[in-house]
PDB file of all heavy atoms in Angstrom:
ATOM      1  N   LYS A   1      -8.680   2.250 -10.324  1.00  0.00           N
ATOM      2  CA  LYS A   1      -8.245   0.869 -10.553  1.00  0.00           C
ATOM      3  C   LYS A   1      -6.799   0.621 -10.135  1.00  0.00           C
ATOM      4  O   LYS A   1      -6.442  -0.502  -9.758  1.00  0.00           O
ATOM      5  CB  LYS A   1      -8.394   0.520 -12.037  1.00  0.00           C
ATOM      6  CG  LYS A   1      -9.825   0.596 -12.559  1.00  0.00           C
ATOM      7  CD  LYS A   1     -10.713  -0.441 -11.899  1.00  0.00           C
ATOM      8  CE  LYS A   1     -12.102  -0.440 -12.518  1.00  0.00           C
ATOM      9  NZ  LYS A   1     -12.992  -1.432 -11.835  1.00  0.00           N
ATOM     10  N   ASN A   2      -5.942   1.629 -10.206  1.00  0.00           N
ATOM     11  CA  ASN A   2      -4.504   1.427 -10.028  1.00  0.00           C
ATOM     12  C   ASN A   2      -4.018   1.937  -8.683  1.00  0.00           C
ATOM     13  O   ASN A   2      -4.302   3.075  -8.301  1.00  0.00           O
ATOM     14  CB  ASN A   2      -3.746   2.135 -11.148  1.00  0.00           C
ATOM     15  CG  ASN A   2      -4.184   1.666 -12.522  1.00  0.00           C
ATOM     16  OD1 ASN A   2      -4.122   0.481 -12.820  1.00  0.00           O
ATOM     17  ND2 ASN A   2      -4.657   2.585 -13.351  1.00  0.00           N
ATOM     18  N   ASP A   3      -3.261   1.090  -7.986  1.00  0.00           N
ATOM     19  CA  ASP A   3      -2.711   1.442  -6.683  1.00  0.00           C
ATOM     20  C   ASP A   3      -1.228   1.067  -6.663  1.00  0.00           C
ATOM     21  O   ASP A   3      -0.870  -0.091  -6.921  1.00  0.00           O
ATOM     22  CB  ASP A   3      -3.460   0.700  -5.582  1.00  0.00           C
ATOM     23  CG  ASP A   3      -3.026   1.109  -4.187  1.00  0.00           C
ATOM     24  OD1 ASP A   3      -2.355   2.146  -4.051  1.00  0.00           O
ATOM     25  OD2 ASP A   3      -3.361   0.378  -3.225  1.00  0.00           O
ATOM     26  N   ILE A   4      -0.370   2.032  -6.376  1.00  0.00           N
ATOM     27  CA  ILE A   4       1.078   1.811  -6.329  1.00  0.00           C
ATOM     28  C   ILE A   4       1.565   2.024  -4.902  1.00  0.00           C
ATOM     29  O   ILE A   4       1.238   3.039  -4.272  1.00  0.00           O
ATOM     30  CB  ILE A   4       1.810   2.754  -7.289  1.00  0.00           C
ATOM     31  CG1 ILE A   4       1.348   2.487  -8.725  1.00  0.00           C
ATOM     32  CG2 ILE A   4       3.327   2.580  -7.181  1.00  0.00           C
ATOM     33  CD1 ILE A   4       1.882   3.475  -9.727  1.00  0.00           C
ATOM     34  N   GLY A   5       2.336   1.081  -4.393  1.00  0.00           N
ATOM     35  CA  GLY A   5       2.788   1.171  -3.014  1.00  0.00           C
ATOM     36  C   GLY A   5       4.276   0.937  -2.853  1.00  0.00           C
ATOM     37  O   GLY A   5       4.937   0.360  -3.722  1.00  0.00           O
ATOM     38  N   ALA A   6       4.817   1.402  -1.716  1.00  0.00           N
ATOM     39  CA  ALA A   6       6.198   1.138  -1.314  1.00  0.00           C
ATOM     40  C   ALA A   6       6.190  -0.013  -0.314  1.00  0.00           C
ATOM     41  O   ALA A   6       5.335  -0.071   0.579  1.00  0.00           O
ATOM     42  CB  ALA A   6       6.824   2.382  -0.695  1.00  0.00           C
ATOM     43  N   VAL A   7       7.150  -0.935  -0.454  1.00  0.00           N
ATOM     44  CA  VAL A   7       7.145  -2.188   0.298  1.00  0.00           C
ATOM     45  C   VAL A   7       8.418  -2.314   1.132  1.00  0.00           C
ATOM     46  O   VAL A   7       9.514  -1.984   0.668  1.00  0.00           O
ATOM     47  CB  VAL A   7       7.054  -3.398  -0.657  1.00  0.00           C
ATOM     48  CG1 VAL A   7       6.913  -4.700   0.136  1.00  0.00           C
ATOM     49  CG2 VAL A   7       5.909  -3.244  -1.640  1.00  0.00           C
ATOM     50  N   ALA A   8       8.268  -2.826   2.361  1.00  0.00           N
ATOM     51  CA  ALA A   8       9.407  -3.199   3.200  1.00  0.00           C
ATOM     52  C   ALA A   8       9.015  -4.413   4.020  1.00  0.00           C
ATOM     53  O   ALA A   8       7.865  -4.518   4.487  1.00  0.00           O
ATOM     54  CB  ALA A   8       9.817  -2.050   4.115  1.00  0.00           C
ATOM     55  N   GLY A   9       9.946  -5.353   4.190  1.00  0.00           N
ATOM     56  CA  GLY A   9       9.610  -6.552   4.958  1.00  0.00           C
ATOM     57  C   GLY A   9      10.828  -7.387   5.284  1.00  0.00           C
ATOM     58  O   GLY A   9      11.953  -7.094   4.859  1.00  0.00           O
ATOM     59  N   VAL A  10      10.601  -8.451   6.050  1.00  0.00           N
ATOM     60  CA  VAL A  10      11.653  -9.405   6.415  1.00  0.00           C
ATOM     61  C   VAL A  10      11.153 -10.820   6.177  1.00  0.00           C
ATOM     62  O   VAL A  10       9.938 -11.079   6.189  1.00  0.00           O
ATOM     63  CB  VAL A  10      12.087  -9.242   7.892  1.00  0.00           C
ATOM     64  CG1 VAL A  10      12.742  -7.900   8.121  1.00  0.00           C
ATOM     65  CG2 VAL A  10      10.893  -9.429   8.831  1.00  0.00           C
ATOM     66  N   GLN A  11      12.107 -11.723   5.969  1.00  0.00           N
ATOM     67  CA  GLN A  11      11.778 -13.119   5.690  1.00  0.00           C
ATOM     68  C   GLN A  11      12.789 -14.031   6.360  1.00  0.00           C
ATOM     69  O   GLN A  11      13.993 -13.734   6.364  1.00  0.00           O
ATOM     70  CB  GLN A  11      11.769 -13.345   4.180  1.00  0.00           C
ATOM     71  CG  GLN A  11      11.571 -14.772   3.737  1.00  0.00           C
ATOM     72  CD  GLN A  11      11.563 -14.889   2.224  1.00  0.00           C
ATOM     73  OE1 GLN A  11      10.717 -14.319   1.551  1.00  0.00           O
ATOM     74  NE2 GLN A  11      12.529 -15.619   1.668  1.00  0.00           N
ATOM     75  N   VAL A  12      12.326 -15.142   6.913  1.00  0.00           N
ATOM     76  CA  VAL A  12      13.188 -16.140   7.536  1.00  0.00           C
ATOM     77  C   VAL A  12      13.006 -17.459   6.795  1.00  0.00           C
ATOM     78  O   VAL A  12      11.874 -17.934   6.628  1.00  0.00           O
ATOM     79  CB  VAL A  12      12.851 -16.322   9.030  1.00  0.00           C
ATOM     80  CG1 VAL A  12      13.705 -17.431   9.631  1.00  0.00           C
ATOM     81  CG2 VAL A  12      13.062 -15.017   9.784  1.00  0.00           C
ATOM     82  N   GLN A  13      14.107 -18.033   6.336  1.00  0.00           N
ATOM     83  CA  GLN A  13      14.076 -19.280   5.566  1.00  0.00           C
ATOM     84  C   GLN A  13      14.345 -20.463   6.486  1.00  0.00           C
ATOM     85  O   GLN A  13      15.302 -20.458   7.270  1.00  0.00           O
ATOM     86  CB  GLN A  13      15.131 -19.243   4.454  1.00  0.00           C
ATOM     87  CG  GLN A  13      15.046 -20.388   3.465  1.00  0.00           C
ATOM     88  CD  GLN A  13      13.945 -20.189   2.439  1.00  0.00           C
ATOM     89  OE1 GLN A  13      13.601 -19.057   2.107  1.00  0.00           O
ATOM     90  NE2 GLN A  13      13.389 -21.280   1.942  1.00  0.00           N
ATOM     91  N   VAL A  14      13.510 -21.510   6.386  1.00  0.00           N
ATOM     92  CA  VAL A  14      13.698 -22.762   7.124  1.00  0.00           C
ATOM     93  C   VAL A  14      13.553 -23.889   6.112  1.00  0.00           C
ATOM     94  O   VAL A  14      12.435 -24.271   5.747  1.00  0.00           O
ATOM     95  CB  VAL A  14      12.684 -22.919   8.266  1.00  0.00           C
ATOM     96  CG1 VAL A  14      12.958 -24.213   9.033  1.00  0.00           C
ATOM     97  CG2 VAL A  14      12.717 -21.722   9.204  1.00  0.00           C
ATOM     98  N   ALA A  15      14.693 -24.406   5.652  1.00  0.00           N
ATOM     99  CA  ALA A  15      14.701 -25.429   4.599  1.00  0.00           C
ATOM    100  C   ALA A  15      13.981 -24.892   3.359  1.00  0.00           C
ATOM    101  O   ALA A  15      14.332 -23.826   2.861  1.00  0.00           O
ATOM    102  CB  ALA A  15      14.079 -26.724   5.109  1.00  0.00           C
ATOM    103  N   GLN A  16      12.950 -25.596   2.884  1.00  0.00           N
ATOM    104  CA  GLN A  16      12.231 -25.172   1.687  1.00  0.00           C
ATOM    105  C   GLN A  16      11.092 -24.204   1.995  1.00  0.00           C
ATOM    106  O   GLN A  16      10.408 -23.733   1.080  1.00  0.00           O
ATOM    107  CB  GLN A  16      11.653 -26.395   0.955  1.00  0.00           C
ATOM    108  CG  GLN A  16      12.706 -27.350   0.414  1.00  0.00           C
ATOM    109  CD  GLN A  16      13.592 -26.676  -0.619  1.00  0.00           C
ATOM    110  OE1 GLN A  16      14.734 -26.312  -0.344  1.00  0.00           O
ATOM    111  NE2 GLN A  16      13.067 -26.477  -1.811  1.00  0.00           N
ATOM    112  N   VAL A  17      10.869 -23.902   3.247  1.00  0.00           N
ATOM    113  CA  VAL A  17       9.755 -23.049   3.673  1.00  0.00           C
ATOM    114  C   VAL A  17      10.312 -21.729   4.198  1.00  0.00           C
ATOM    115  O   VAL A  17      11.371 -21.695   4.830  1.00  0.00           O
ATOM    116  CB  VAL A  17       8.927 -23.744   4.778  1.00  0.00           C
ATOM    117  CG1 VAL A  17       7.787 -22.852   5.256  1.00  0.00           C
ATOM    118  CG2 VAL A  17       8.382 -25.069   4.256  1.00  0.00           C
ATOM    119  N   HIS A  18       9.601 -20.641   3.930  1.00  0.00           N
ATOM    120  CA  HIS A  18       9.986 -19.362   4.516  1.00  0.00           C
ATOM    121  C   HIS A  18       8.766 -18.683   5.136  1.00  0.00           C
ATOM    122  O   HIS A  18       7.627 -18.881   4.709  1.00  0.00           O
ATOM    123  CB  HIS A  18      10.657 -18.440   3.488  1.00  0.00           C
ATOM    124  CG  HIS A  18       9.767 -18.011   2.361  1.00  0.00           C
ATOM    125  ND1 HIS A  18       9.793 -18.608   1.125  1.00  0.00           N
ATOM    126  CD2 HIS A  18       8.824 -17.039   2.280  1.00  0.00           C
ATOM    127  CE1 HIS A  18       8.920 -18.021   0.332  1.00  0.00           C
ATOM    128  NE2 HIS A  18       8.307 -17.060   1.013  1.00  0.00           N
ATOM    129  N   PHE A  19       9.030 -17.881   6.153  1.00  0.00           N
ATOM    130  CA  PHE A  19       8.014 -17.119   6.874  1.00  0.00           C
ATOM    131  C   PHE A  19       8.361 -15.638   6.722  1.00  0.00           C
ATOM    132  O   PHE A  19       9.536 -15.259   6.803  1.00  0.00           O
ATOM    133  CB  PHE A  19       7.965 -17.518   8.349  1.00  0.00           C
ATOM    134  CG  PHE A  19       7.723 -18.986   8.557  1.00  0.00           C
ATOM    135  CD1 PHE A  19       8.773 -19.880   8.638  1.00  0.00           C
ATOM    136  CD2 PHE A  19       6.424 -19.469   8.650  1.00  0.00           C
ATOM    137  CE1 PHE A  19       8.550 -21.238   8.814  1.00  0.00           C
ATOM    138  CE2 PHE A  19       6.185 -20.827   8.835  1.00  0.00           C
ATOM    139  CZ  PHE A  19       7.259 -21.712   8.914  1.00  0.00           C
ATOM    140  N   PHE A  20       7.339 -14.809   6.522  1.00  0.00           N
ATOM    141  CA  PHE A  20       7.627 -13.407   6.217  1.00  0.00           C
ATOM    142  C   PHE A  20       6.608 -12.467   6.850  1.00  0.00           C
ATOM    143  O   PHE A  20       5.466 -12.855   7.161  1.00  0.00           O
ATOM    144  CB  PHE A  20       7.657 -13.183   4.696  1.00  0.00           C
ATOM    145  CG  PHE A  20       6.347 -13.433   4.004  1.00  0.00           C
ATOM    146  CD1 PHE A  20       5.418 -12.414   3.849  1.00  0.00           C
ATOM    147  CD2 PHE A  20       6.038 -14.691   3.519  1.00  0.00           C
ATOM    148  CE1 PHE A  20       4.201 -12.640   3.218  1.00  0.00           C
ATOM    149  CE2 PHE A  20       4.827 -14.925   2.884  1.00  0.00           C
ATOM    150  CZ  PHE A  20       3.914 -13.897   2.734  1.00  0.00           C
ATOM    151  N   GLY A  21       7.035 -11.236   7.021  1.00  0.00           N
ATOM    152  CA  GLY A  21       6.161 -10.138   7.410  1.00  0.00           C
ATOM    153  C   GLY A  21       6.467  -8.955   6.507  1.00  0.00           C
ATOM    154  O   GLY A  21       7.620  -8.748   6.113  1.00  0.00           O
ATOM    155  N   ARG A  22       5.430  -8.194   6.166  1.00  0.00           N
ATOM    156  CA  ARG A  22       5.614  -7.140   5.162  1.00  0.00           C
ATOM    157  C   ARG A  22       4.662  -5.978   5.441  1.00  0.00           C
ATOM    158  O   ARG A  22       3.535  -6.184   5.889  1.00  0.00           O
ATOM    159  CB  ARG A  22       5.361  -7.723   3.775  1.00  0.00           C
ATOM    160  CG  ARG A  22       5.708  -6.824   2.620  1.00  0.00           C
ATOM    161  CD  ARG A  22       5.498  -7.572   1.299  1.00  0.00           C
ATOM    162  NE  ARG A  22       6.397  -8.710   1.151  1.00  0.00           N
ATOM    163  CZ  ARG A  22       6.339  -9.563   0.132  1.00  0.00           C
ATOM    164  NH1 ARG A  22       5.429  -9.403  -0.806  1.00  0.00           N
ATOM    165  NH2 ARG A  22       7.195 -10.562   0.068  1.00  0.00           N
ATOM    166  N   TYR A  23       5.148  -4.764   5.140  1.00  0.00           N
ATOM    167  CA  TYR A  23       4.315  -3.564   5.238  1.00  0.00           C
ATOM    168  C   TYR A  23       4.319  -2.851   3.892  1.00  0.00           C
ATOM    169  O   TYR A  23       5.365  -2.707   3.257  1.00  0.00           O
ATOM    170  CB  TYR A  23       4.843  -2.614   6.317  1.00  0.00           C
ATOM    171  CG  TYR A  23       4.104  -1.292   6.367  1.00  0.00           C
ATOM    172  CD1 TYR A  23       2.827  -1.212   6.904  1.00  0.00           C
ATOM    173  CD2 TYR A  23       4.682  -0.130   5.867  1.00  0.00           C
ATOM    174  CE1 TYR A  23       2.138  -0.007   6.936  1.00  0.00           C
ATOM    175  CE2 TYR A  23       4.008   1.083   5.904  1.00  0.00           C
ATOM    176  CZ  TYR A  23       2.737   1.135   6.437  1.00  0.00           C
ATOM    177  OH  TYR A  23       2.056   2.320   6.466  1.00  0.00           O
ATOM    178  N   VAL A  24       3.134  -2.408   3.469  1.00  0.00           N
ATOM    179  CA  VAL A  24       2.981  -1.694   2.201  1.00  0.00           C
ATOM    180  C   VAL A  24       2.200  -0.412   2.447  1.00  0.00           C
ATOM    181  O   VAL A  24       1.123  -0.442   3.068  1.00  0.00           O
ATOM    182  CB  VAL A  24       2.239  -2.545   1.148  1.00  0.00           C
ATOM    183  CG1 VAL A  24       2.161  -1.801  -0.175  1.00  0.00           C
ATOM    184  CG2 VAL A  24       2.909  -3.900   0.973  1.00  0.00           C
ATOM    185  N   TYR A  25       2.738   0.700   1.959  1.00  0.00           N
ATOM    186  CA  TYR A  25       2.035   1.978   2.043  1.00  0.00           C
ATOM    187  C   TYR A  25       1.728   2.478   0.640  1.00  0.00           C
ATOM    188  O   TYR A  25       2.629   2.609  -0.196  1.00  0.00           O
ATOM    189  CB  TYR A  25       2.866   3.029   2.776  1.00  0.00           C
ATOM    190  CG  TYR A  25       2.152   4.366   2.879  1.00  0.00           C
ATOM    191  CD1 TYR A  25       1.133   4.551   3.811  1.00  0.00           C
ATOM    192  CD2 TYR A  25       2.474   5.418   2.030  1.00  0.00           C
ATOM    193  CE1 TYR A  25       0.456   5.755   3.893  1.00  0.00           C
ATOM    194  CE2 TYR A  25       1.799   6.629   2.105  1.00  0.00           C
ATOM    195  CZ  TYR A  25       0.790   6.787   3.043  1.00  0.00           C
ATOM    196  OH  TYR A  25       0.116   7.977   3.110  1.00  0.00           O
ATOM    197  N   GLY A  26       0.457   2.752   0.375  1.00  0.00           N
ATOM    198  CA  GLY A  26       0.035   3.237  -0.928  1.00  0.00           C
ATOM    199  C   GLY A  26       0.504   4.661  -1.169  1.00  0.00           C
ATOM    200  O   GLY A  26       0.215   5.563  -0.372  1.00  0.00           O
ATOM    201  N   ILE A  27       1.193   4.861  -2.281  1.00  0.00           N
ATOM    202  CA  ILE A  27       1.760   6.176  -2.587  1.00  0.00           C
ATOM    203  C   ILE A  27       0.740   7.101  -3.233  1.00  0.00           C
ATOM    204  O   ILE A  27       0.653   8.288  -2.917  1.00  0.00           O
ATOM    205  CB  ILE A  27       2.987   6.014  -3.507  1.00  0.00           C
ATOM    206  CG1 ILE A  27       4.086   5.217  -2.792  1.00  0.00           C
ATOM    207  CG2 ILE A  27       3.513   7.387  -3.947  1.00  0.00           C
ATOM    208  CD1 ILE A  27       5.243   4.863  -3.687  1.00  0.00           C
ATOM    209  N   ASN A  28      -0.047   6.572  -4.152  1.00  0.00           N
ATOM    210  CA  ASN A  28      -0.977   7.428  -4.899  1.00  0.00           C
ATOM    211  C   ASN A  28      -2.343   7.493  -4.235  1.00  0.00           C
ATOM    212  O   ASN A  28      -2.737   6.609  -3.471  1.00  0.00           O
ATOM    213  CB  ASN A  28      -1.122   6.951  -6.345  1.00  0.00           C
ATOM    214  CG  ASN A  28      -1.710   5.562  -6.442  1.00  0.00           C
ATOM    215  OD1 ASN A  28      -1.225   4.613  -5.819  1.00  0.00           O
ATOM    216  ND2 ASN A  28      -2.769   5.421  -7.215  1.00  0.00           N
ATOM    217  N   ASP A  29      -3.065   8.550  -4.528  1.00  0.00           N
ATOM    218  CA  ASP A  29      -4.429   8.744  -4.039  1.00  0.00           C
ATOM    219  C   ASP A  29      -5.361   7.806  -4.805  1.00  0.00           C
ATOM    220  O   ASP A  29      -5.430   7.863  -6.031  1.00  0.00           O
ATOM    221  CB  ASP A  29      -4.829  10.204  -4.247  1.00  0.00           C
ATOM    222  CG  ASP A  29      -6.266  10.491  -3.842  1.00  0.00           C
ATOM    223  OD1 ASP A  29      -6.853   9.687  -3.093  1.00  0.00           O
ATOM    224  OD2 ASP A  29      -6.813  11.521  -4.300  1.00  0.00           O
ATOM    225  N   VAL A  30      -6.088   6.924  -4.076  1.00  0.00           N
ATOM    226  CA  VAL A  30      -6.958   5.953  -4.741  1.00  0.00           C
ATOM    227  C   VAL A  30      -8.423   6.391  -4.770  1.00  0.00           C
ATOM    228  O   VAL A  30      -9.269   5.694  -5.318  1.00  0.00           O
ATOM    229  CB  VAL A  30      -6.852   4.567  -4.074  1.00  0.00           C
ATOM    230  CG1 VAL A  30      -5.447   4.006  -4.232  1.00  0.00           C
ATOM    231  CG2 VAL A  30      -7.252   4.625  -2.596  1.00  0.00           C
ATOM    232  N   LEU A  31      -8.727   7.543  -4.206  1.00  0.00           N
ATOM    233  CA  LEU A  31     -10.101   8.042  -4.211  1.00  0.00           C
ATOM    234  C   LEU A  31     -10.492   8.470  -5.624  1.00  0.00           C
ATOM    235  O   LEU A  31      -9.782   9.240  -6.267  1.00  0.00           O
ATOM    236  CB  LEU A  31     -10.238   9.207  -3.237  1.00  0.00           C
ATOM    237  CG  LEU A  31     -11.608   9.896  -3.170  1.00  0.00           C
ATOM    238  CD1 LEU A  31     -12.699   8.928  -2.735  1.00  0.00           C
ATOM    239  CD2 LEU A  31     -11.543  11.092  -2.222  1.00  0.00           C
ATOM    240  N   ASN A  32     -11.633   7.997  -6.092  1.00  0.00           N
ATOM    241  CA  ASN A  32     -12.105   8.315  -7.439  1.00  0.00           C
ATOM    242  C   ASN A  32     -13.062   9.498  -7.460  1.00  0.00           C
ATOM    243  O   ASN A  32     -13.156  10.205  -8.469  1.00  0.00           O
ATOM    244  CB  ASN A  32     -12.789   7.090  -8.049  1.00  0.00           C
ATOM    245  CG  ASN A  32     -13.163   7.293  -9.499  1.00  0.00           C
ATOM    246  OD1 ASN A  32     -12.333   7.677 -10.313  1.00  0.00           O
ATOM    247  ND2 ASN A  32     -14.425   7.048  -9.824  1.00  0.00           N
ATOM    248  N   VAL A  33     -13.770   9.726  -6.371  1.00  0.00           N
ATOM    249  CA  VAL A  33     -14.778  10.788  -6.294  1.00  0.00           C
ATOM    250  C   VAL A  33     -14.298  11.857  -5.323  1.00  0.00           C
ATOM    251  O   VAL A  33     -14.312  11.658  -4.112  1.00  0.00           O
ATOM    252  CB  VAL A  33     -16.146  10.238  -5.851  1.00  0.00           C
ATOM    253  CG1 VAL A  33     -17.170  11.359  -5.760  1.00  0.00           C
ATOM    254  CG2 VAL A  33     -16.615   9.150  -6.810  1.00  0.00           C
ATOM    255  N   HIS A  34     -13.873  12.997  -5.856  1.00  0.00           N
ATOM    256  CA  HIS A  34     -13.404  14.097  -5.017  1.00  0.00           C
ATOM    257  C   HIS A  34     -14.495  15.172  -4.943  1.00  0.00           C
ATOM    258  O   HIS A  34     -14.888  15.715  -5.977  1.00  0.00           O
ATOM    259  CB  HIS A  34     -12.117  14.698  -5.568  1.00  0.00           C
ATOM    260  CG  HIS A  34     -10.939  13.794  -5.438  1.00  0.00           C
ATOM    261  ND1 HIS A  34     -10.648  12.820  -6.381  1.00  0.00           N
ATOM    262  CD2 HIS A  34      -9.974  13.693  -4.484  1.00  0.00           C
ATOM    263  CE1 HIS A  34      -9.555  12.173  -6.006  1.00  0.00           C
ATOM    264  NE2 HIS A  34      -9.126  12.682  -4.873  1.00  0.00           N
ATOM    265  N   PRO A  35     -14.982  15.455  -3.740  1.00  0.00           N
ATOM    266  CA  PRO A  35     -16.033  16.471  -3.612  1.00  0.00           C
ATOM    267  C   PRO A  35     -15.551  17.852  -4.035  1.00  0.00           C
ATOM    268  O   PRO A  35     -14.417  18.247  -3.738  1.00  0.00           O
ATOM    269  CB  PRO A  35     -16.383  16.431  -2.120  1.00  0.00           C
ATOM    270  CG  PRO A  35     -15.169  15.854  -1.456  1.00  0.00           C
ATOM    271  CD  PRO A  35     -14.563  14.906  -2.440  1.00  0.00           C
ATOM    272  N   ALA A  36     -16.415  18.567  -4.730  1.00  0.00           N
ATOM    273  CA  ALA A  36     -16.047  19.891  -5.237  1.00  0.00           C
ATOM    274  C   ALA A  36     -15.733  20.864  -4.104  1.00  0.00           C
ATOM    275  O   ALA A  36     -14.894  21.751  -4.240  1.00  0.00           O
ATOM    276  CB  ALA A  36     -17.172  20.440  -6.112  1.00  0.00           C
ATOM    277  N   GLU A  37     -16.405  20.666  -2.954  1.00  0.00           N
ATOM    278  CA  GLU A  37     -16.230  21.600  -1.850  1.00  0.00           C
ATOM    279  C   GLU A  37     -15.021  21.264  -0.971  1.00  0.00           C
ATOM    280  O   GLU A  37     -14.642  22.032  -0.098  1.00  0.00           O
ATOM    281  CB  GLU A  37     -17.494  21.633  -0.985  1.00  0.00           C
ATOM    282  CG  GLU A  37     -17.854  20.324  -0.289  1.00  0.00           C
ATOM    283  CD  GLU A  37     -18.682  19.395  -1.147  1.00  0.00           C
ATOM    284  OE1 GLU A  37     -18.824  19.668  -2.361  1.00  0.00           O
ATOM    285  OE2 GLU A  37     -19.196  18.404  -0.600  1.00  0.00           O
ATOM    286  N   ARG A  38     -14.384  20.076  -1.200  1.00  0.00           N
ATOM    287  CA  ARG A  38     -13.228  19.667  -0.405  1.00  0.00           C
ATOM    288  C   ARG A  38     -12.163  19.059  -1.320  1.00  0.00           C
ATOM    289  O   ARG A  38     -12.182  17.882  -1.615  1.00  0.00           O
ATOM    290  CB  ARG A  38     -13.656  18.652   0.667  1.00  0.00           C
ATOM    291  CG  ARG A  38     -14.512  19.213   1.796  1.00  0.00           C
ATOM    292  CD  ARG A  38     -13.703  20.174   2.669  1.00  0.00           C
ATOM    293  NE  ARG A  38     -12.520  19.559   3.229  1.00  0.00           N
ATOM    294  CZ  ARG A  38     -12.512  18.890   4.383  1.00  0.00           C
ATOM    295  NH1 ARG A  38     -13.619  18.751   5.084  1.00  0.00           N
ATOM    296  NH2 ARG A  38     -11.390  18.369   4.841  1.00  0.00           N
ATOM    297  N   THR A  39     -11.223  19.869  -1.771  1.00  0.00           N
ATOM    298  CA  THR A  39     -10.200  19.389  -2.690  1.00  0.00           C
ATOM    299  C   THR A  39      -9.000  18.767  -1.967  1.00  0.00           C
ATOM    300  O   THR A  39      -8.081  18.263  -2.615  1.00  0.00           O
ATOM    301  CB  THR A  39      -9.692  20.551  -3.559  1.00  0.00           C
ATOM    302  OG1 THR A  39      -9.174  21.583  -2.706  1.00  0.00           O
ATOM    303  CG2 THR A  39     -10.826  21.117  -4.415  1.00  0.00           C
ATOM    304  N   ASP A  40      -9.024  18.802  -0.628  1.00  0.00           N
ATOM    305  CA  ASP A  40      -7.889  18.304   0.142  1.00  0.00           C
ATOM    306  C   ASP A  40      -8.065  16.862   0.601  1.00  0.00           C
ATOM    307  O   ASP A  40      -7.235  16.340   1.349  1.00  0.00           O
ATOM    308  CB  ASP A  40      -7.661  19.198   1.359  1.00  0.00           C
ATOM    309  CG  ASP A  40      -8.881  19.240   2.281  1.00  0.00           C
ATOM    310  OD1 ASP A  40     -10.020  19.081   1.776  1.00  0.00           O
ATOM    311  OD2 ASP A  40      -8.705  19.422   3.504  1.00  0.00           O
ATOM    312  N   ILE A  41      -9.118  16.182   0.189  1.00  0.00           N
ATOM    313  CA  ILE A  41      -9.388  14.820   0.641  1.00  0.00           C
ATOM    314  C   ILE A  41      -8.658  13.816  -0.251  1.00  0.00           C
ATOM    315  O   ILE A  41      -8.842  13.809  -1.468  1.00  0.00           O
ATOM    316  CB  ILE A  41     -10.898  14.531   0.655  1.00  0.00           C
ATOM    317  CG1 ILE A  41     -11.595  15.446   1.664  1.00  0.00           C
ATOM    318  CG2 ILE A  41     -11.165  13.070   0.988  1.00  0.00           C
ATOM    319  CD1 ILE A  41     -13.091  15.266   1.728  1.00  0.00           C
ATOM    320  N   ASN A  42      -7.843  12.962   0.375  1.00  0.00           N
ATOM    321  CA  ASN A  42      -7.116  11.905  -0.332  1.00  0.00           C
ATOM    322  C   ASN A  42      -7.232  10.597   0.445  1.00  0.00           C
ATOM    323  O   ASN A  42      -7.283  10.607   1.689  1.00  0.00           O
ATOM    324  CB  ASN A  42      -5.635  12.268  -0.489  1.00  0.00           C
ATOM    325  CG  ASN A  42      -5.422  13.535  -1.302  1.00  0.00           C
ATOM    326  OD1 ASN A  42      -5.802  13.590  -2.460  1.00  0.00           O
ATOM    327  ND2 ASN A  42      -4.836  14.551  -0.681  1.00  0.00           N
ATOM    328  N   TRP A  43      -7.246   9.482  -0.271  1.00  0.00           N
ATOM    329  CA  TRP A  43      -7.265   8.163   0.346  1.00  0.00           C
ATOM    330  C   TRP A  43      -6.018   7.392  -0.064  1.00  0.00           C
ATOM    331  O   TRP A  43      -5.617   7.388  -1.229  1.00  0.00           O
ATOM    332  CB  TRP A  43      -8.501   7.374  -0.083  1.00  0.00           C
ATOM    333  CG  TRP A  43      -9.797   7.875   0.486  1.00  0.00           C
ATOM    334  CD1 TRP A  43      -9.991   8.930   1.336  1.00  0.00           C
ATOM    335  CD2 TRP A  43     -11.094   7.328   0.227  1.00  0.00           C
ATOM    336  NE1 TRP A  43     -11.306   9.078   1.634  1.00  0.00           N
ATOM    337  CE2 TRP A  43     -12.022   8.115   0.972  1.00  0.00           C
ATOM    338  CE3 TRP A  43     -11.566   6.281  -0.546  1.00  0.00           C
ATOM    339  CZ2 TRP A  43     -13.386   7.859   0.951  1.00  0.00           C
ATOM    340  CZ3 TRP A  43     -12.926   6.017  -0.564  1.00  0.00           C
ATOM    341  CH2 TRP A  43     -13.834   6.795   0.183  1.00  0.00           C
ATOM    342  N   HIS A  44      -5.407   6.714   0.918  1.00  0.00           N
ATOM    343  CA  HIS A  44      -4.223   5.894   0.668  1.00  0.00           C
ATOM    344  C   HIS A  44      -4.399   4.529   1.342  1.00  0.00           C
ATOM    345  O   HIS A  44      -4.911   4.442   2.461  1.00  0.00           O
ATOM    346  CB  HIS A  44      -2.961   6.572   1.213  1.00  0.00           C
ATOM    347  CG  HIS A  44      -2.616   7.838   0.513  1.00  0.00           C
ATOM    348  ND1 HIS A  44      -1.791   7.881  -0.596  1.00  0.00           N
ATOM    349  CD2 HIS A  44      -2.994   9.124   0.750  1.00  0.00           C
ATOM    350  CE1 HIS A  44      -1.677   9.128  -1.006  1.00  0.00           C
ATOM    351  NE2 HIS A  44      -2.386   9.899  -0.209  1.00  0.00           N
TER     352      HIS A  44
END
């Protein structure tokens, strides 16, 4: 259920409106089902 990410981005303000671009990378492994035969599998 829980996903924590690191964020970086830029924003340009034009009067009351702003335009932005952003990148987020998930820090924690979000996979809930880890196969017993493969302990090295992670999802981000």
